[in-house]
Structures are given as C-alpha cells and as structure tokens.
Amino acid sequence: MFDIGSKDKWARSNQRSNTAAAEGLAFCNALFEVERKWKDETPEQRYEARLAESQPI
C-alpha cells in the first residue's frame, strides 16, 4: 500500500535539493563569468582578477 505522507515528504525534500542545486549552479556561473571576462589576459593578470573578483562571490 502507498503512503501519501511519504510522498509529500519526498516532494519537500526534492524541492530543497533543487534549491540547493540552483544555488550551486548560480555560484559556479558567477565564477565562470569572472573567468570569461579575463580570458585574454596573462595568467598573472587572471590570477589577480580572480582573487579580487571571486572573493565577493
């Protein structure tokens, strides 16, 4: 027999993981955007930019 309560519990837990996944994806996208901005610079300049711009993220 199927327990409706367990389905609701699964749905709530699934929503939380989607939210966590969305936050993680947004975080990674922000870091990749920093990298794209500085892609044509020297490795040293990219390193400095990464330190300065990634800290707020």
C-alpha atoms as a PDB file:
ATOM      1  CA  MET A   1       0.000   0.000   0.000  1.00  0.00           C
ATOM      2  CA  PHE A   2       1.240   3.506  -0.852  1.00  0.00           C
ATOM      3  CA  ASP A   3       1.595   6.008   1.976  1.00  0.00           C
ATOM      4  CA  ILE A   4       0.586   9.529   0.872  1.00  0.00           C
ATOM      5  CA  GLY A   5       2.552  11.079   3.735  1.00  0.00           C
ATOM      6  CA  SER A   6       5.830   9.649   2.482  1.00  0.00           C
ATOM      7  CA  LYS A   7       5.158  11.064  -0.997  1.00  0.00           C
ATOM      8  CA  ASP A   8       4.711  14.555   0.466  1.00  0.00           C
ATOM      9  CA  LYS A   9       7.895  14.153   2.470  1.00  0.00           C
ATOM     10  CA  TRP A  10       9.793  13.115  -0.676  1.00  0.00           C
ATOM     11  CA  ALA A  11       8.402  16.096  -2.620  1.00  0.00           C
ATOM     12  CA  ARG A  12       9.534  18.550   0.068  1.00  0.00           C
ATOM     13  CA  SER A  13      12.996  17.034   0.229  1.00  0.00           C
ATOM     14  CA  ASN A  14      13.236  17.088  -3.578  1.00  0.00           C
ATOM     15  CA  GLN A  15      12.347  20.804  -3.619  1.00  0.00           C
ATOM     16  CA  ARG A  16      15.115  21.555  -1.130  1.00  0.00           C
ATOM     17  CA  SER A  17      17.701  19.757  -3.222  1.00  0.00           C
ATOM     18  CA  ASN A  18      16.555  21.618  -6.342  1.00  0.00           C
ATOM     19  CA  THR A  19      17.017  24.866  -4.473  1.00  0.00           C
ATOM     20  CA  ALA A  20      20.476  23.859  -3.294  1.00  0.00           C
ATOM     21  CA  ALA A  21      21.365  22.766  -6.816  1.00  0.00           C
ATOM     22  CA  ALA A  22      20.129  26.068  -8.234  1.00  0.00           C
ATOM     23  CA  GLU A  23      22.234  27.987  -5.714  1.00  0.00           C
ATOM     24  CA  GLY A  24      25.297  25.918  -6.570  1.00  0.00           C
ATOM     25  CA  LEU A  25      24.753  26.419 -10.281  1.00  0.00           C
ATOM     26  CA  ALA A  26      24.375  30.183  -9.845  1.00  0.00           C
ATOM     27  CA  PHE A  27      27.585  30.255  -7.785  1.00  0.00           C
ATOM     28  CA  CYS A  28      29.513  28.364 -10.474  1.00  0.00           C
ATOM     29  CA  ASN A  29      28.076  30.524 -13.241  1.00  0.00           C
ATOM     30  CA  ALA A  30      29.209  33.670 -11.417  1.00  0.00           C
ATOM     31  CA  LEU A  31      32.735  32.286 -11.111  1.00  0.00           C
ATOM     32  CA  PHE A  32      32.818  31.282 -14.788  1.00  0.00           C
ATOM     33  CA  GLU A  33      31.676  34.789 -15.757  1.00  0.00           C
ATOM     34  CA  VAL A  34      34.710  36.211 -13.934  1.00  0.00           C
ATOM     35  CA  GLU A  35      36.930  33.813 -15.868  1.00  0.00           C
ATOM     36  CA  ARG A  36      35.353  34.757 -19.222  1.00  0.00           C
ATOM     37  CA  LYS A  37      35.946  38.468 -18.603  1.00  0.00           C
ATOM     38  CA  TRP A  38      39.679  37.933 -18.176  1.00  0.00           C
ATOM     39  CA  LYS A  39      40.289  35.143 -20.708  1.00  0.00           C
ATOM     40  CA  ASP A  40      42.591  37.247 -22.949  1.00  0.00           C
ATOM     41  CA  GLU A  41      44.865  38.435 -20.141  1.00  0.00           C
ATOM     42  CA  THR A  42      48.124  36.930 -18.936  1.00  0.00           C
ATOM     43  CA  PRO A  43      47.983  34.182 -16.324  1.00  0.00           C
ATOM     44  CA  GLU A  44      49.263  36.629 -13.689  1.00  0.00           C
ATOM     45  CA  GLN A  45      46.554  39.185 -14.521  1.00  0.00           C
ATOM     46  CA  ARG A  46      43.884  36.462 -14.446  1.00  0.00           C
ATOM     47  CA  TYR A  47      45.147  35.323 -11.070  1.00  0.00           C
ATOM     48  CA  GLU A  48      44.951  38.840  -9.613  1.00  0.00           C
ATOM     49  CA  ALA A  49      41.497  39.403 -11.115  1.00  0.00           C
ATOM     50  CA  ARG A  50      40.329  36.038  -9.797  1.00  0.00           C
ATOM     51  CA  LEU A  51      41.447  36.958  -6.287  1.00  0.00           C
ATOM     52  CA  ALA A  52      39.784  40.377  -6.426  1.00  0.00           C
ATOM     53  CA  GLU A  53      36.526  39.413  -8.131  1.00  0.00           C
ATOM     54  CA  SER A  54      35.877  35.944  -6.756  1.00  0.00           C
ATOM     55  CA  GLN A  55      36.014  36.970  -3.101  1.00  0.00           C
ATOM     56  CA  PRO A  56      32.620  38.740  -3.162  1.00  0.00           C
ATOM     57  CA  ILE A  57      31.030  35.693  -4.779  1.00  0.00           C
END
